[in-house]
PDB file of N, CA and C in Angstrom:
ATOM      1  N   MET A   1      12.793 -10.688  -6.185  1.00  0.00           N
ATOM      2  CA  MET A   1      11.722 -11.148  -5.332  1.00  0.00           C
ATOM      3  C   MET A   1      10.468 -11.322  -6.187  1.00  0.00           C
ATOM      4  N   THR A   2       9.782 -12.437  -6.023  1.00  0.00           N
ATOM      5  CA  THR A   2       8.584 -12.711  -6.809  1.00  0.00           C
ATOM      6  C   THR A   2       7.390 -11.930  -6.266  1.00  0.00           C
ATOM      7  N   ASP A   3       6.355 -11.835  -7.087  1.00  0.00           N
ATOM      8  CA  ASP A   3       5.117 -11.178  -6.637  1.00  0.00           C
ATOM      9  C   ASP A   3       4.569 -11.863  -5.391  1.00  0.00           C
ATOM     10  N   ALA A   4       4.590 -13.180  -5.382  1.00  0.00           N
ATOM     11  CA  ALA A   4       4.063 -13.918  -4.222  1.00  0.00           C
ATOM     12  C   ALA A   4       4.847 -13.574  -2.959  1.00  0.00           C
ATOM     13  N   GLN A   5       6.158 -13.468  -3.080  1.00  0.00           N
ATOM     14  CA  GLN A   5       6.974 -13.117  -1.921  1.00  0.00           C
ATOM     15  C   GLN A   5       6.684 -11.693  -1.450  1.00  0.00           C
ATOM     16  N   LEU A   6       6.492 -10.798  -2.397  1.00  0.00           N
ATOM     17  CA  LEU A   6       6.147  -9.427  -2.019  1.00  0.00           C
ATOM     18  C   LEU A   6       4.809  -9.390  -1.295  1.00  0.00           C
ATOM     19  N   LEU A   7       3.821 -10.086  -1.830  1.00  0.00           N
ATOM     20  CA  LEU A   7       2.481 -10.050  -1.235  1.00  0.00           C
ATOM     21  C   LEU A   7       2.445 -10.687   0.152  1.00  0.00           C
ATOM     22  N   GLU A   8       3.402 -11.554   0.470  1.00  0.00           N
ATOM     23  CA  GLU A   8       3.474 -12.123   1.825  1.00  0.00           C
ATOM     24  C   GLU A   8       3.811 -11.057   2.856  1.00  0.00           C
ATOM     25  N   ARG A   9       4.325  -9.933   2.420  1.00  0.00           N
ATOM     26  CA  ARG A   9       4.656  -8.828   3.321  1.00  0.00           C
ATOM     27  C   ARG A   9       3.417  -8.063   3.783  1.00  0.00           C
ATOM     28  N   ILE A  10       2.290  -8.278   3.122  1.00  0.00           N
ATOM     29  CA  ILE A  10       1.043  -7.590   3.456  1.00  0.00           C
ATOM     30  C   ILE A  10       0.135  -8.568   4.184  1.00  0.00           C
ATOM     31  N   THR A  11      -0.373  -8.157   5.336  1.00  0.00           N
ATOM     32  CA  THR A  11      -1.248  -9.030   6.117  1.00  0.00           C
ATOM     33  C   THR A  11      -2.576  -8.336   6.399  1.00  0.00           C
ATOM     34  N   LEU A  12      -3.582  -9.161   6.644  1.00  0.00           N
ATOM     35  CA  LEU A  12      -4.902  -8.664   7.031  1.00  0.00           C
ATOM     36  C   LEU A  12      -5.315  -9.420   8.287  1.00  0.00           C
ATOM     37  N   ASN A  13      -5.610  -8.667   9.320  1.00  0.00           N
ATOM     38  CA  ASN A  13      -6.005  -9.259  10.590  1.00  0.00           C
ATOM     39  C   ASN A  13      -7.063  -8.352  11.205  1.00  0.00           C
ATOM     40  N   PRO A  14      -8.249  -8.896  11.489  1.00  0.00           N
ATOM     41  CA  PRO A  14      -9.316  -8.049  12.052  1.00  0.00           C
ATOM     42  C   PRO A  14      -8.925  -7.374  13.370  1.00  0.00           C
ATOM     43  N   GLN A  15      -7.903  -7.897  14.043  1.00  0.00           N
ATOM     44  CA  GLN A  15      -7.463  -7.329  15.312  1.00  0.00           C
ATOM     45  C   GLN A  15      -6.440  -6.196  15.141  1.00  0.00           C
ATOM     46  N   VAL A  16      -5.978  -5.993  13.916  1.00  0.00           N
ATOM     47  CA  VAL A  16      -4.970  -4.952  13.649  1.00  0.00           C
ATOM     48  C   VAL A  16      -5.543  -3.964  12.642  1.00  0.00           C
ATOM     49  N   MET A  17      -5.628  -2.719  13.043  1.00  0.00           N
ATOM     50  CA  MET A  17      -6.112  -1.631  12.183  1.00  0.00           C
ATOM     51  C   MET A  17      -7.464  -1.985  11.548  1.00  0.00           C
ATOM     52  N   THR A  18      -8.320  -2.567  12.328  1.00  0.00           N
ATOM     53  CA  THR A  18      -9.680  -2.965  11.924  1.00  0.00           C
ATOM     54  C   THR A  18      -9.711  -3.811  10.657  1.00  0.00           C
ATOM     55  N   GLY A  19      -8.647  -4.593  10.463  1.00  0.00           N
ATOM     56  CA  GLY A  19      -8.627  -5.514   9.329  1.00  0.00           C
ATOM     57  C   GLY A  19      -8.106  -4.939   8.030  1.00  0.00           C
ATOM     58  N   LYS A  20      -7.668  -3.682   8.037  1.00  0.00           N
ATOM     59  CA  LYS A  20      -7.099  -3.105   6.820  1.00  0.00           C
ATOM     60  C   LYS A  20      -5.776  -3.809   6.516  1.00  0.00           C
ATOM     61  N   PRO A  21      -5.400  -3.895   5.241  1.00  0.00           N
ATOM     62  CA  PRO A  21      -4.113  -4.503   4.912  1.00  0.00           C
ATOM     63  C   PRO A  21      -2.968  -3.637   5.437  1.00  0.00           C
ATOM     64  N   VAL A  22      -2.027  -4.279   6.127  1.00  0.00           N
ATOM     65  CA  VAL A  22      -0.877  -3.594   6.710  1.00  0.00           C
ATOM     66  C   VAL A  22       0.412  -4.294   6.293  1.00  0.00           C
ATOM     67  N   ILE A  23       1.509  -3.576   6.428  1.00  0.00           N
ATOM     68  CA  ILE A  23       2.818  -4.176   6.227  1.00  0.00           C
ATOM     69  C   ILE A  23       3.085  -5.090   7.419  1.00  0.00           C
ATOM     70  N   ARG A  24       3.429  -6.347   7.120  1.00  0.00           N
ATOM     71  CA  ARG A  24       3.651  -7.357   8.164  1.00  0.00           C
ATOM     72  C   ARG A  24       4.525  -6.806   9.289  1.00  0.00           C
ATOM     73  N   GLY A  25       4.066  -7.035  10.528  1.00  0.00           N
ATOM     74  CA  GLY A  25       4.823  -6.631  11.699  1.00  0.00           C
ATOM     75  C   GLY A  25       4.701  -5.161  12.058  1.00  0.00           C
ATOM     76  N   THR A  26       3.819  -4.433  11.357  1.00  0.00           N
ATOM     77  CA  THR A  26       3.627  -3.007  11.642  1.00  0.00           C
ATOM     78  C   THR A  26       2.137  -2.703  11.738  1.00  0.00           C
ATOM     79  N   ARG A  27       1.840  -1.473  12.032  1.00  0.00           N
ATOM     80  CA  ARG A  27       0.472  -0.974  11.975  1.00  0.00           C
ATOM     81  C   ARG A  27       0.358   0.045  10.841  1.00  0.00           C
ATOM     82  N   LEU A  28       1.268  -0.029   9.897  1.00  0.00           N
ATOM     83  CA  LEU A  28       1.275   0.875   8.744  1.00  0.00           C
ATOM     84  C   LEU A  28       0.428   0.261   7.638  1.00  0.00           C
ATOM     85  N   THR A  29      -0.676   0.928   7.322  1.00  0.00           N
ATOM     86  CA  THR A  29      -1.585   0.382   6.319  1.00  0.00           C
ATOM     87  C   THR A  29      -1.074   0.655   4.908  1.00  0.00           C
ATOM     88  N   VAL A  30      -1.496  -0.201   4.001  1.00  0.00           N
ATOM     89  CA  VAL A  30      -1.215  -0.004   2.583  1.00  0.00           C
ATOM     90  C   VAL A  30      -1.778   1.344   2.153  1.00  0.00           C
ATOM     91  N   GLU A  31      -2.969   1.637   2.587  1.00  0.00           N
ATOM     92  CA  GLU A  31      -3.619   2.913   2.250  1.00  0.00           C
ATOM     93  C   GLU A  31      -2.755   4.099   2.672  1.00  0.00           C
ATOM     94  N   TYR A  32      -2.222   4.058   3.881  1.00  0.00           N
ATOM     95  CA  TYR A  32      -1.386   5.145   4.390  1.00  0.00           C
ATOM     96  C   TYR A  32      -0.124   5.304   3.537  1.00  0.00           C
ATOM     97  N   MET A  33       0.510   4.183   3.215  1.00  0.00           N
ATOM     98  CA  MET A  33       1.721   4.229   2.396  1.00  0.00           C
ATOM     99  C   MET A  33       1.434   4.820   1.014  1.00  0.00           C
ATOM    100  N   LEU A  34       0.330   4.403   0.404  1.00  0.00           N
ATOM    101  CA  LEU A  34      -0.025   4.923  -0.915  1.00  0.00           C
ATOM    102  C   LEU A  34      -0.347   6.410  -0.850  1.00  0.00           C
ATOM    103  N   ASN A  35      -0.997   6.838   0.219  1.00  0.00           N
ATOM    104  CA  ASN A  35      -1.284   8.266   0.389  1.00  0.00           C
ATOM    105  C   ASN A  35      -0.002   9.074   0.533  1.00  0.00           C
ATOM    106  N   LEU A  36       0.969   8.549   1.277  1.00  0.00           N
ATOM    107  CA  LEU A  36       2.258   9.245   1.385  1.00  0.00           C
ATOM    108  C   LEU A  36       2.887   9.417   0.008  1.00  0.00           C
ATOM    109  N   LEU A  37       2.912   8.333  -0.773  1.00  0.00           N
ATOM    110  CA  LEU A  37       3.495   8.401  -2.109  1.00  0.00           C
ATOM    111  C   LEU A  37       2.718   9.365  -3.003  1.00  0.00           C
ATOM    112  N   ALA A  38       1.398   9.342  -2.904  1.00  0.00           N
ATOM    113  CA  ALA A  38       0.562  10.225  -3.726  1.00  0.00           C
ATOM    114  C   ALA A  38       0.777  11.698  -3.382  1.00  0.00           C
ATOM    115  N   GLN A  39       1.139  11.971  -2.136  1.00  0.00           N
ATOM    116  CA  GLN A  39       1.379  13.357  -1.709  1.00  0.00           C
ATOM    117  C   GLN A  39       2.788  13.825  -2.034  1.00  0.00           C
ATOM    118  N   GLY A  40       3.577  12.930  -2.648  1.00  0.00           N
ATOM    119  CA  GLY A  40       4.913  13.331  -3.071  1.00  0.00           C
ATOM    120  C   GLY A  40       6.038  12.927  -2.143  1.00  0.00           C
ATOM    121  N   THR A  41       5.724  12.223  -1.085  1.00  0.00           N
ATOM    122  CA  THR A  41       6.775  11.731  -0.199  1.00  0.00           C
ATOM    123  C   THR A  41       7.593  10.703  -0.960  1.00  0.00           C
ATOM    124  N   THR A  42       8.892  10.806  -0.909  1.00  0.00           N
ATOM    125  CA  THR A  42       9.735   9.862  -1.632  1.00  0.00           C
ATOM    126  C   THR A  42       9.906   8.576  -0.830  1.00  0.00           C
ATOM    127  N   VAL A  43      10.271   7.521  -1.520  1.00  0.00           N
ATOM    128  CA  VAL A  43      10.531   6.246  -0.845  1.00  0.00           C
ATOM    129  C   VAL A  43      11.649   6.437   0.173  1.00  0.00           C
ATOM    130  N   THR A  44      12.661   7.184  -0.181  1.00  0.00           N
ATOM    131  CA  THR A  44      13.768   7.435   0.746  1.00  0.00           C
ATOM    132  C   THR A  44      13.277   8.128   2.009  1.00  0.00           C
ATOM    133  N   GLU A  45      12.395   9.111   1.858  1.00  0.00           N
ATOM    134  CA  GLU A  45      11.841   9.808   3.033  1.00  0.00           C
ATOM    135  C   GLU A  45      11.035   8.854   3.900  1.00  0.00           C
ATOM    136  N   ILE A  46      10.250   7.992   3.279  1.00  0.00           N
ATOM    137  CA  ILE A  46       9.453   7.024   4.041  1.00  0.00           C
ATOM    138  C   ILE A  46      10.366   6.076   4.800  1.00  0.00           C
ATOM    139  N   LEU A  47      11.383   5.553   4.129  1.00  0.00           N
ATOM    140  CA  LEU A  47      12.295   4.606   4.772  1.00  0.00           C
ATOM    141  C   LEU A  47      13.080   5.261   5.905  1.00  0.00           C
ATOM    142  N   THR A  48      13.378   6.549   5.760  1.00  0.00           N
ATOM    143  CA  THR A  48      14.070   7.275   6.827  1.00  0.00           C
ATOM    144  C   THR A  48      13.154   7.468   8.034  1.00  0.00           C
ATOM    145  N   GLU A  49      11.900   7.752   7.766  1.00  0.00           N
ATOM    146  CA  GLU A  49      10.925   8.017   8.847  1.00  0.00           C
ATOM    147  C   GLU A  49      10.521   6.750   9.597  1.00  0.00           C
ATOM    148  N   TYR A  50      10.427   5.636   8.903  1.00  0.00           N
ATOM    149  CA  TYR A  50       9.919   4.395   9.501  1.00  0.00           C
ATOM    150  C   TYR A  50      11.018   3.345   9.508  1.00  0.00           C
ATOM    151  N   ASP A  51      11.752   3.335  10.617  1.00  0.00           N
ATOM    152  CA  ASP A  51      12.844   2.381  10.800  1.00  0.00           C
ATOM    153  C   ASP A  51      12.372   0.950  10.589  1.00  0.00           C
ATOM    154  N   GLY A  52      13.133   0.194   9.873  1.00  0.00           N
ATOM    155  CA  GLY A  52      12.802  -1.212   9.668  1.00  0.00           C
ATOM    156  C   GLY A  52      12.066  -1.493   8.382  1.00  0.00           C
ATOM    157  N   LEU A  53      11.452  -0.465   7.769  1.00  0.00           N
ATOM    158  CA  LEU A  53      10.800  -0.681   6.474  1.00  0.00           C
ATOM    159  C   LEU A  53      11.862  -0.821   5.393  1.00  0.00           C
ATOM    160  N   THR A  54      11.497  -1.529   4.334  1.00  0.00           N
ATOM    161  CA  THR A  54      12.429  -1.728   3.222  1.00  0.00           C
ATOM    162  C   THR A  54      11.767  -1.292   1.910  1.00  0.00           C
ATOM    163  N   HIS A  55      12.580  -1.180   0.882  1.00  0.00           N
ATOM    164  CA  HIS A  55      12.046  -0.888  -0.446  1.00  0.00           C
ATOM    165  C   HIS A  55      11.011  -1.943  -0.837  1.00  0.00           C
ATOM    166  N   ASP A  56      11.272  -3.187  -0.486  1.00  0.00           N
ATOM    167  CA  ASP A  56      10.329  -4.253  -0.833  1.00  0.00           C
ATOM    168  C   ASP A  56       8.983  -4.087  -0.125  1.00  0.00           C
ATOM    169  N   ASP A  57       8.975  -3.508   1.066  1.00  0.00           N
ATOM    170  CA  ASP A  57       7.700  -3.245   1.747  1.00  0.00           C
ATOM    171  C   ASP A  57       6.872  -2.243   0.950  1.00  0.00           C
ATOM    172  N   ILE A  58       7.531  -1.215   0.435  1.00  0.00           N
ATOM    173  CA  ILE A  58       6.828  -0.206  -0.365  1.00  0.00           C
ATOM    174  C   ILE A  58       6.355  -0.825  -1.678  1.00  0.00           C
ATOM    175  N   ARG A  59       7.214  -1.606  -2.300  1.00  0.00           N
ATOM    176  CA  ARG A  59       6.829  -2.305  -3.532  1.00  0.00           C
ATOM    177  C   ARG A  59       5.634  -3.223  -3.274  1.00  0.00           C
ATOM    178  N   ALA A  60       5.631  -3.882  -2.123  1.00  0.00           N
ATOM    179  CA  ALA A  60       4.528  -4.783  -1.774  1.00  0.00           C
ATOM    180  C   ALA A  60       3.214  -4.014  -1.664  1.00  0.00           C
ATOM    181  N   CYS A  61       3.254  -2.821  -1.100  1.00  0.00           N
ATOM    182  CA  CYS A  61       2.042  -1.993  -0.996  1.00  0.00           C
ATOM    183  C   CYS A  61       1.500  -1.656  -2.383  1.00  0.00           C
ATOM    184  N   CYS A  62       2.380  -1.267  -3.275  1.00  0.00           N
ATOM    185  CA  CYS A  62       1.955  -0.911  -4.632  1.00  0.00           C
ATOM    186  C   CYS A  62       1.404  -2.132  -5.363  1.00  0.00           C
ATOM    187  N   LEU A  63       2.059  -3.255  -5.226  1.00  0.00           N
ATOM    188  CA  LEU A  63       1.590  -4.474  -5.879  1.00  0.00           C
ATOM    189  C   LEU A  63       0.247  -4.915  -5.311  1.00  0.00           C
ATOM    190  N   PHE A  64       0.088  -4.845  -4.000  1.00  0.00           N
ATOM    191  CA  PHE A  64      -1.182  -5.216  -3.372  1.00  0.00           C
ATOM    192  C   PHE A  64      -2.311  -4.344  -3.920  1.00  0.00           C
ATOM    193  N   ALA A  65      -2.080  -3.045  -4.002  1.00  0.00           N
ATOM    194  CA  ALA A  65      -3.104  -2.125  -4.511  1.00  0.00           C
ATOM    195  C   ALA A  65      -3.427  -2.438  -5.964  1.00  0.00           C
ATOM    196  N   ALA A  66      -2.404  -2.686  -6.756  1.00  0.00           N
ATOM    197  CA  ALA A  66      -2.637  -3.006  -8.176  1.00  0.00           C
ATOM    198  C   ALA A  66      -3.464  -4.279  -8.310  1.00  0.00           C
ATOM    199  N   ARG A  67      -3.129  -5.287  -7.540  1.00  0.00           N
ATOM    200  CA  ARG A  67      -3.885  -6.544  -7.603  1.00  0.00           C
ATOM    201  C   ARG A  67      -5.324  -6.352  -7.113  1.00  0.00           C
ATOM    202  N   ALA A  68      -5.496  -5.532  -6.097  1.00  0.00           N
ATOM    203  CA  ALA A  68      -6.837  -5.289  -5.554  1.00  0.00           C
ATOM    204  C   ALA A  68      -7.721  -4.574  -6.568  1.00  0.00           C
ATOM    205  N   LEU A  69      -7.116  -3.817  -7.461  1.00  0.00           N
ATOM    206  CA  LEU A  69      -7.871  -3.036  -8.443  1.00  0.00           C
ATOM    207  C   LEU A  69      -8.065  -3.746  -9.773  1.00  0.00           C
ATOM    208  N   GLU A  70      -7.438  -4.886  -9.957  1.00  0.00           N
ATOM    209  CA  GLU A  70      -7.483  -5.570 -11.249  1.00  0.00           C
ATOM    210  C   GLU A  70      -8.892  -5.822 -11.780  1.00  0.00           C
ATOM    211  N   ASN A  71      -9.788  -6.214 -10.936  1.00  0.00           N
ATOM    212  CA  ASN A  71     -11.129  -6.586 -11.383  1.00  0.00           C
ATOM    213  C   ASN A  71     -12.190  -5.634 -10.858  1.00  0.00           C
ATOM    214  N   THR A  72     -11.817  -4.375 -10.730  1.00  0.00           N
ATOM    215  CA  THR A  72     -12.725  -3.378 -10.181  1.00  0.00           C
ATOM    216  C   THR A  72     -13.164  -2.416 -11.285  1.00  0.00           C
ATOM    217  N   THR A  73     -14.438  -2.083 -11.282  1.00  0.00           N
ATOM    218  CA  THR A  73     -14.975  -1.103 -12.211  1.00  0.00           C
ATOM    219  C   THR A  73     -15.201   0.188 -11.438  1.00  0.00           C
ATOM    220  N   PHE A  74     -14.881   1.305 -12.071  1.00  0.00           N
ATOM    221  CA  PHE A  74     -14.979   2.588 -11.391  1.00  0.00           C
ATOM    222  C   PHE A  74     -15.940   3.514 -12.099  1.00  0.00           C
ATOM    223  N   MET A  75     -16.553   4.347 -11.316  1.00  0.00           N
ATOM    224  CA  MET A  75     -17.338   5.462 -11.821  1.00  0.00           C
ATOM    225  C   MET A  75     -16.452   6.691 -11.682  1.00  0.00           C
ATOM    226  N   PRO A  76     -16.553   7.653 -12.579  1.00  0.00           N
ATOM    227  CA  PRO A  76     -15.727   8.861 -12.458  1.00  0.00           C
ATOM    228  C   PRO A  76     -16.019   9.599 -11.142  1.00  0.00           C
ATOM    229  N   LEU A  77     -14.966  10.132 -10.537  1.00  0.00           N
ATOM    230  CA  LEU A  77     -15.150  10.892  -9.294  1.00  0.00           C
ATOM    231  C   LEU A  77     -15.725  12.277  -9.563  1.00  0.00           C
ATOM    232  N   VAL A  78     -15.416  12.818 -10.725  1.00  0.00           N
ATOM    233  CA  VAL A  78     -15.962  14.122 -11.125  1.00  0.00           C
ATOM    234  C   VAL A  78     -16.476  13.989 -12.560  1.00  0.00           C
ATOM    235  N   ALA A  79     -17.478  14.758 -12.866  1.00  0.00           N
ATOM    236  CA  ALA A  79     -18.036  14.722 -14.226  1.00  0.00           C
ATOM    237  C   ALA A  79     -17.036  15.343 -15.192  1.00  0.00           C
ATOM    238  N   GLU A  80     -16.867  14.709 -16.324  1.00  0.00           N
ATOM    239  CA  GLU A  80     -15.986  15.244 -17.352  1.00  0.00           C
ATOM    240  C   GLU A  80     -16.695  16.409 -18.041  1.00  0.00           C
ATOM    241  N   THR A  81     -15.912  17.442 -18.334  1.00  0.00           N
ATOM    242  CA  THR A  81     -16.479  18.577 -19.062  1.00  0.00           C
ATOM    243  C   THR A  81     -15.901  18.562 -20.478  1.00  0.00           C
ATOM    244  N   THR A  82     -16.739  18.824 -21.425  1.00  0.00           N
ATOM    245  CA  THR A  82     -16.278  18.824 -22.824  1.00  0.00           C
ATOM    246  C   THR A  82     -16.417  20.182 -23.444  1.00  0.00           C
TER     247      THR A  82
END
């Protein structure tokens, strides 16, 4: 599956979840999916919990986030100690 095909799985609609990017046909936000993964939830656990989701939906969330961050500059969240 190409990047373009994966990204078609993510939609933005001001009428759904206040316009946050969601997996097409759901109210599951990209942010929520990434938080699940960051907390250690496995892809298998997510797919078991949310009937109808696919591995490609999870991949689409990760790709969307990566693309959204490509041209972003960040400030450190905490001061580095030396």
